[in-house]
PDB file of all heavy atoms in Angstrom:
ATOM      1  N   THR A   1     -12.613 -10.392 -17.864  1.00  0.00           N
ATOM      2  CA  THR A   1     -14.010 -10.045 -17.633  1.00  0.00           C
ATOM      3  C   THR A   1     -14.195  -9.534 -16.214  1.00  0.00           C
ATOM      4  O   THR A   1     -13.693 -10.129 -15.252  1.00  0.00           O
ATOM      5  CB  THR A   1     -14.902 -11.263 -17.874  1.00  0.00           C
ATOM      6  OG1 THR A   1     -14.768 -11.676 -19.243  1.00  0.00           O
ATOM      7  CG2 THR A   1     -16.361 -10.940 -17.591  1.00  0.00           C
ATOM      8  N   VAL A   2     -14.888  -8.414 -16.098  1.00  0.00           N
ATOM      9  CA  VAL A   2     -15.140  -7.796 -14.792  1.00  0.00           C
ATOM     10  C   VAL A   2     -16.596  -7.355 -14.730  1.00  0.00           C
ATOM     11  O   VAL A   2     -17.299  -7.327 -15.743  1.00  0.00           O
ATOM     12  CB  VAL A   2     -14.223  -6.570 -14.561  1.00  0.00           C
ATOM     13  CG1 VAL A   2     -12.763  -6.974 -14.471  1.00  0.00           C
ATOM     14  CG2 VAL A   2     -14.423  -5.519 -15.661  1.00  0.00           C
ATOM     15  N   SER A   3     -17.045  -6.991 -13.542  1.00  0.00           N
ATOM     16  CA  SER A   3     -18.386  -6.428 -13.423  1.00  0.00           C
ATOM     17  C   SER A   3     -18.409  -5.042 -14.046  1.00  0.00           C
ATOM     18  O   SER A   3     -17.378  -4.361 -14.167  1.00  0.00           O
ATOM     19  CB  SER A   3     -18.793  -6.339 -11.946  1.00  0.00           C
ATOM     20  OG  SER A   3     -18.017  -5.360 -11.282  1.00  0.00           O
ATOM     21  N   LEU A   4     -19.596  -4.612 -14.454  1.00  0.00           N
ATOM     22  CA  LEU A   4     -19.746  -3.261 -14.990  1.00  0.00           C
ATOM     23  C   LEU A   4     -19.309  -2.226 -13.959  1.00  0.00           C
ATOM     24  O   LEU A   4     -18.703  -1.196 -14.304  1.00  0.00           O
ATOM     25  CB  LEU A   4     -21.199  -3.018 -15.399  1.00  0.00           C
ATOM     26  CG  LEU A   4     -21.524  -1.652 -15.999  1.00  0.00           C
ATOM     27  CD1 LEU A   4     -20.679  -1.373 -17.234  1.00  0.00           C
ATOM     28  CD2 LEU A   4     -23.011  -1.554 -16.318  1.00  0.00           C
ATOM     29  N   GLU A   5     -19.569  -2.506 -12.697  1.00  0.00           N
ATOM     30  CA  GLU A   5     -19.149  -1.609 -11.624  1.00  0.00           C
ATOM     31  C   GLU A   5     -17.634  -1.428 -11.629  1.00  0.00           C
ATOM     32  O   GLU A   5     -17.122  -0.302 -11.552  1.00  0.00           O
ATOM     33  CB  GLU A   5     -19.604  -2.166 -10.274  1.00  0.00           C
ATOM     34  CG  GLU A   5     -19.152  -1.346  -9.075  1.00  0.00           C
ATOM     35  CD  GLU A   5     -19.547  -1.988  -7.763  1.00  0.00           C
ATOM     36  OE1 GLU A   5     -19.567  -3.229  -7.683  1.00  0.00           O
ATOM     37  OE2 GLU A   5     -19.816  -1.237  -6.806  1.00  0.00           O
ATOM     38  N   GLN A   6     -16.891  -2.527 -11.735  1.00  0.00           N
ATOM     39  CA  GLN A   6     -15.441  -2.436 -11.725  1.00  0.00           C
ATOM     40  C   GLN A   6     -14.904  -1.836 -13.021  1.00  0.00           C
ATOM     41  O   GLN A   6     -13.908  -1.113 -13.014  1.00  0.00           O
ATOM     42  CB  GLN A   6     -14.815  -3.810 -11.487  1.00  0.00           C
ATOM     43  CG  GLN A   6     -13.304  -3.751 -11.273  1.00  0.00           C
ATOM     44  CD  GLN A   6     -12.717  -5.073 -10.828  1.00  0.00           C
ATOM     45  OE1 GLN A   6     -13.448  -5.992 -10.445  1.00  0.00           O
ATOM     46  NE2 GLN A   6     -11.410  -5.179 -10.877  1.00  0.00           N
ATOM     47  N   LEU A   7     -15.569  -2.101 -14.136  1.00  0.00           N
ATOM     48  CA  LEU A   7     -15.118  -1.547 -15.410  1.00  0.00           C
ATOM     49  C   LEU A   7     -15.179  -0.022 -15.389  1.00  0.00           C
ATOM     50  O   LEU A   7     -14.192   0.658 -15.713  1.00  0.00           O
ATOM     51  CB  LEU A   7     -15.969  -2.088 -16.557  1.00  0.00           C
ATOM     52  CG  LEU A   7     -15.602  -1.528 -17.944  1.00  0.00           C
ATOM     53  CD1 LEU A   7     -14.234  -2.034 -18.376  1.00  0.00           C
ATOM     54  CD2 LEU A   7     -16.670  -1.881 -18.976  1.00  0.00           C
ATOM     55  N   ILE A   8     -16.323   0.529 -15.027  1.00  0.00           N
ATOM     56  CA  ILE A   8     -16.467   1.981 -15.002  1.00  0.00           C
ATOM     57  C   ILE A   8     -15.557   2.601 -13.952  1.00  0.00           C
ATOM     58  O   ILE A   8     -15.170   3.770 -14.054  1.00  0.00           O
ATOM     59  CB  ILE A   8     -17.951   2.354 -14.818  1.00  0.00           C
ATOM     60  CG1 ILE A   8     -18.713   2.060 -16.124  1.00  0.00           C
ATOM     61  CG2 ILE A   8     -18.139   3.800 -14.385  1.00  0.00           C
ATOM     62  CD1 ILE A   8     -20.173   2.424 -16.114  1.00  0.00           C
ATOM     63  N   ASP A   9     -15.162   1.808 -12.977  1.00  0.00           N
ATOM     64  CA  ASP A   9     -14.249   2.264 -11.932  1.00  0.00           C
ATOM     65  C   ASP A   9     -12.782   2.118 -12.344  1.00  0.00           C
ATOM     66  O   ASP A   9     -11.896   2.324 -11.521  1.00  0.00           O
ATOM     67  CB  ASP A   9     -14.509   1.466 -10.649  1.00  0.00           C
ATOM     68  CG  ASP A   9     -14.000   2.174  -9.408  1.00  0.00           C
ATOM     69  OD1 ASP A   9     -14.029   3.413  -9.373  1.00  0.00           O
ATOM     70  OD2 ASP A   9     -13.559   1.481  -8.472  1.00  0.00           O
ATOM     71  N   SER A  10     -12.510   1.765 -13.610  1.00  0.00           N
ATOM     72  CA  SER A  10     -11.137   1.465 -14.039  1.00  0.00           C
ATOM     73  C   SER A  10     -10.817   2.126 -15.377  1.00  0.00           C
ATOM     74  O   SER A  10     -10.789   1.462 -16.419  1.00  0.00           O
ATOM     75  CB  SER A  10     -10.945  -0.054 -14.146  1.00  0.00           C
ATOM     76  OG  SER A  10     -11.256  -0.703 -12.935  1.00  0.00           O
ATOM     77  N   PRO A  11     -10.568   3.426 -15.407  1.00  0.00           N
ATOM     78  CA  PRO A  11     -10.253   4.099 -16.665  1.00  0.00           C
ATOM     79  C   PRO A  11      -8.919   3.637 -17.244  1.00  0.00           C
ATOM     80  O   PRO A  11      -8.133   2.955 -16.577  1.00  0.00           O
ATOM     81  CB  PRO A  11     -10.196   5.580 -16.272  1.00  0.00           C
ATOM     82  CG  PRO A  11      -9.883   5.560 -14.810  1.00  0.00           C
ATOM     83  CD  PRO A  11     -10.544   4.340 -14.261  1.00  0.00           C
ATOM     84  N   VAL A  12      -8.668   4.019 -18.493  1.00  0.00           N
ATOM     85  CA  VAL A  12      -7.434   3.655 -19.196  1.00  0.00           C
ATOM     86  C   VAL A  12      -6.769   4.938 -19.686  1.00  0.00           C
ATOM     87  O   VAL A  12      -7.418   5.783 -20.317  1.00  0.00           O
ATOM     88  CB  VAL A  12      -7.727   2.734 -20.397  1.00  0.00           C
ATOM     89  CG1 VAL A  12      -6.428   2.397 -21.137  1.00  0.00           C
ATOM     90  CG2 VAL A  12      -8.432   1.460 -19.946  1.00  0.00           C
ATOM     91  N   LEU A  13      -5.476   5.076 -19.393  1.00  0.00           N
ATOM     92  CA  LEU A  13      -4.687   6.196 -19.902  1.00  0.00           C
ATOM     93  C   LEU A  13      -3.739   5.674 -20.973  1.00  0.00           C
ATOM     94  O   LEU A  13      -2.977   4.727 -20.730  1.00  0.00           O
ATOM     95  CB  LEU A  13      -3.880   6.847 -18.778  1.00  0.00           C
ATOM     96  CG  LEU A  13      -2.911   7.966 -19.194  1.00  0.00           C
ATOM     97  CD1 LEU A  13      -3.675   9.147 -19.796  1.00  0.00           C
ATOM     98  CD2 LEU A  13      -2.077   8.423 -18.001  1.00  0.00           C
ATOM     99  N   ALA A  14      -3.785   6.251 -22.162  1.00  0.00           N
ATOM    100  CA  ALA A  14      -2.947   5.809 -23.272  1.00  0.00           C
ATOM    101  C   ALA A  14      -2.252   7.001 -23.899  1.00  0.00           C
ATOM    102  O   ALA A  14      -2.782   8.124 -23.900  1.00  0.00           O
ATOM    103  CB  ALA A  14      -3.793   5.081 -24.323  1.00  0.00           C
ATOM    104  N   GLY A  15      -1.054   6.757 -24.455  1.00  0.00           N
ATOM    105  CA  GLY A  15      -0.363   7.857 -25.100  1.00  0.00           C
ATOM    106  C   GLY A  15       0.905   7.434 -25.817  1.00  0.00           C
ATOM    107  O   GLY A  15       1.462   6.366 -25.565  1.00  0.00           O
ATOM    108  N   ARG A  16       1.329   8.298 -26.732  1.00  0.00           N
ATOM    109  CA  ARG A  16       2.594   8.067 -27.435  1.00  0.00           C
ATOM    110  C   ARG A  16       3.765   8.270 -26.479  1.00  0.00           C
ATOM    111  O   ARG A  16       4.721   7.512 -26.472  1.00  0.00           O
ATOM    112  CB  ARG A  16       2.692   9.028 -28.616  1.00  0.00           C
ATOM    113  CG  ARG A  16       3.974   8.857 -29.437  1.00  0.00           C
ATOM    114  CD  ARG A  16       4.003   9.835 -30.607  1.00  0.00           C
ATOM    115  NE  ARG A  16       2.804   9.708 -31.441  1.00  0.00           N
ATOM    116  CZ  ARG A  16       2.636   8.763 -32.362  1.00  0.00           C
ATOM    117  NH1 ARG A  16       3.570   7.851 -32.562  1.00  0.00           N
ATOM    118  NH2 ARG A  16       1.530   8.730 -33.072  1.00  0.00           N
ATOM    119  N   TRP A  17       3.704   9.338 -25.688  1.00  0.00           N
ATOM    120  CA  TRP A  17       4.747   9.622 -24.716  1.00  0.00           C
ATOM    121  C   TRP A  17       4.243   9.134 -23.364  1.00  0.00           C
ATOM    122  O   TRP A  17       3.541   9.842 -22.657  1.00  0.00           O
ATOM    123  CB  TRP A  17       5.075  11.112 -24.704  1.00  0.00           C
ATOM    124  CG  TRP A  17       5.281  11.679 -26.078  1.00  0.00           C
ATOM    125  CD1 TRP A  17       4.491  12.575 -26.719  1.00  0.00           C
ATOM    126  CD2 TRP A  17       6.335  11.363 -26.986  1.00  0.00           C
ATOM    127  NE1 TRP A  17       4.973  12.858 -27.958  1.00  0.00           N
ATOM    128  CE2 TRP A  17       6.122  12.123 -28.164  1.00  0.00           C
ATOM    129  CE3 TRP A  17       7.451  10.526 -26.941  1.00  0.00           C
ATOM    130  CZ2 TRP A  17       6.959  12.067 -29.265  1.00  0.00           C
ATOM    131  CZ3 TRP A  17       8.290  10.467 -28.038  1.00  0.00           C
ATOM    132  CH2 TRP A  17       8.046  11.222 -29.176  1.00  0.00           C
ATOM    133  N   PHE A  18       4.599   7.912 -23.047  1.00  0.00           N
ATOM    134  CA  PHE A  18       4.035   7.216 -21.886  1.00  0.00           C
ATOM    135  C   PHE A  18       5.173   6.656 -21.028  1.00  0.00           C
ATOM    136  O   PHE A  18       6.170   6.159 -21.557  1.00  0.00           O
ATOM    137  CB  PHE A  18       3.107   6.081 -22.343  1.00  0.00           C
ATOM    138  CG  PHE A  18       2.399   5.366 -21.217  1.00  0.00           C
ATOM    139  CD1 PHE A  18       1.169   5.806 -20.772  1.00  0.00           C
ATOM    140  CD2 PHE A  18       2.973   4.252 -20.603  1.00  0.00           C
ATOM    141  CE1 PHE A  18       0.517   5.155 -19.737  1.00  0.00           C
ATOM    142  CE2 PHE A  18       2.334   3.602 -19.571  1.00  0.00           C
ATOM    143  CZ  PHE A  18       1.092   4.052 -19.136  1.00  0.00           C
ATOM    144  N   ARG A  19       4.989   6.735 -19.727  1.00  0.00           N
ATOM    145  CA  ARG A  19       5.997   6.218 -18.797  1.00  0.00           C
ATOM    146  C   ARG A  19       5.317   5.613 -17.590  1.00  0.00           C
ATOM    147  O   ARG A  19       4.394   6.223 -17.034  1.00  0.00           O
ATOM    148  CB  ARG A  19       6.931   7.343 -18.351  1.00  0.00           C
ATOM    149  CG  ARG A  19       8.049   6.929 -17.387  1.00  0.00           C
ATOM    150  CD  ARG A  19       8.839   8.162 -16.948  1.00  0.00           C
ATOM    151  NE  ARG A  19       9.934   7.815 -16.046  1.00  0.00           N
ATOM    152  CZ  ARG A  19      10.651   8.701 -15.355  1.00  0.00           C
ATOM    153  NH1 ARG A  19      10.385  10.003 -15.474  1.00  0.00           N
ATOM    154  NH2 ARG A  19      11.628   8.298 -14.553  1.00  0.00           N
ATOM    155  N   GLU A  20       5.719   4.422 -17.190  1.00  0.00           N
ATOM    156  CA  GLU A  20       5.186   3.788 -15.978  1.00  0.00           C
ATOM    157  C   GLU A  20       6.311   3.620 -14.973  1.00  0.00           C
ATOM    158  O   GLU A  20       7.374   3.071 -15.286  1.00  0.00           O
ATOM    159  CB  GLU A  20       4.551   2.436 -16.285  1.00  0.00           C
ATOM    160  CG  GLU A  20       3.913   1.795 -15.060  1.00  0.00           C
ATOM    161  CD  GLU A  20       3.045   0.592 -15.398  1.00  0.00           C
ATOM    162  OE1 GLU A  20       3.616  -0.518 -15.492  1.00  0.00           O
ATOM    163  OE2 GLU A  20       1.829   0.763 -15.589  1.00  0.00           O
ATOM    164  N   ILE A  21       6.069   4.111 -13.750  1.00  0.00           N
ATOM    165  CA  ILE A  21       7.067   4.065 -12.674  1.00  0.00           C
ATOM    166  C   ILE A  21       6.531   3.201 -11.548  1.00  0.00           C
ATOM    167  O   ILE A  21       5.414   3.406 -11.058  1.00  0.00           O
ATOM    168  CB  ILE A  21       7.364   5.490 -12.163  1.00  0.00           C
ATOM    169  CG1 ILE A  21       7.880   6.373 -13.313  1.00  0.00           C
ATOM    170  CG2 ILE A  21       8.377   5.452 -11.020  1.00  0.00           C
ATOM    171  CD1 ILE A  21       7.955   7.847 -12.958  1.00  0.00           C
ATOM    172  N   ASP A  22       7.326   2.233 -11.145  1.00  0.00           N
ATOM    173  CA  ASP A  22       6.980   1.339 -10.040  1.00  0.00           C
ATOM    174  C   ASP A  22       7.293   2.063  -8.737  1.00  0.00           C
ATOM    175  O   ASP A  22       8.455   2.387  -8.462  1.00  0.00           O
ATOM    176  CB  ASP A  22       7.801   0.051 -10.167  1.00  0.00           C
ATOM    177  CG  ASP A  22       7.368  -1.018  -9.180  1.00  0.00           C
ATOM    178  OD1 ASP A  22       6.438  -0.764  -8.394  1.00  0.00           O
ATOM    179  OD2 ASP A  22       7.974  -2.105  -9.187  1.00  0.00           O
ATOM    180  N   LEU A  23       6.286   2.328  -7.924  1.00  0.00           N
ATOM    181  CA  LEU A  23       6.467   3.084  -6.691  1.00  0.00           C
ATOM    182  C   LEU A  23       6.615   2.164  -5.484  1.00  0.00           C
ATOM    183  O   LEU A  23       5.948   1.119  -5.413  1.00  0.00           O
ATOM    184  CB  LEU A  23       5.285   4.026  -6.467  1.00  0.00           C
ATOM    185  CG  LEU A  23       5.081   5.143  -7.503  1.00  0.00           C
ATOM    186  CD1 LEU A  23       3.815   5.929  -7.188  1.00  0.00           C
ATOM    187  CD2 LEU A  23       6.293   6.071  -7.561  1.00  0.00           C
ATOM    188  N   ALA A  24       7.455   2.580  -4.531  1.00  0.00           N
ATOM    189  CA  ALA A  24       7.653   1.839  -3.281  1.00  0.00           C
ATOM    190  C   ALA A  24       7.638   0.337  -3.553  1.00  0.00           C
ATOM    191  O   ALA A  24       6.758  -0.383  -3.068  1.00  0.00           O
ATOM    192  CB  ALA A  24       6.584   2.222  -2.262  1.00  0.00           C
ATOM    193  N   PRO A  25       8.582  -0.169  -4.339  1.00  0.00           N
ATOM    194  CA  PRO A  25       8.515  -1.553  -4.828  1.00  0.00           C
ATOM    195  C   PRO A  25       8.525  -2.610  -3.733  1.00  0.00           C
ATOM    196  O   PRO A  25       8.146  -3.756  -3.997  1.00  0.00           O
ATOM    197  CB  PRO A  25       9.754  -1.669  -5.726  1.00  0.00           C
ATOM    198  CG  PRO A  25      10.660  -0.569  -5.305  1.00  0.00           C
ATOM    199  CD  PRO A  25       9.780   0.538  -4.840  1.00  0.00           C
TER     200      PRO A  25
END
């Protein structure tokens, strides 16, 4: 649960061809 302010400030990217890279770990 978050504030409406934080929710609208937090989009979601979804996809079949998806990759997440950890930067400057």
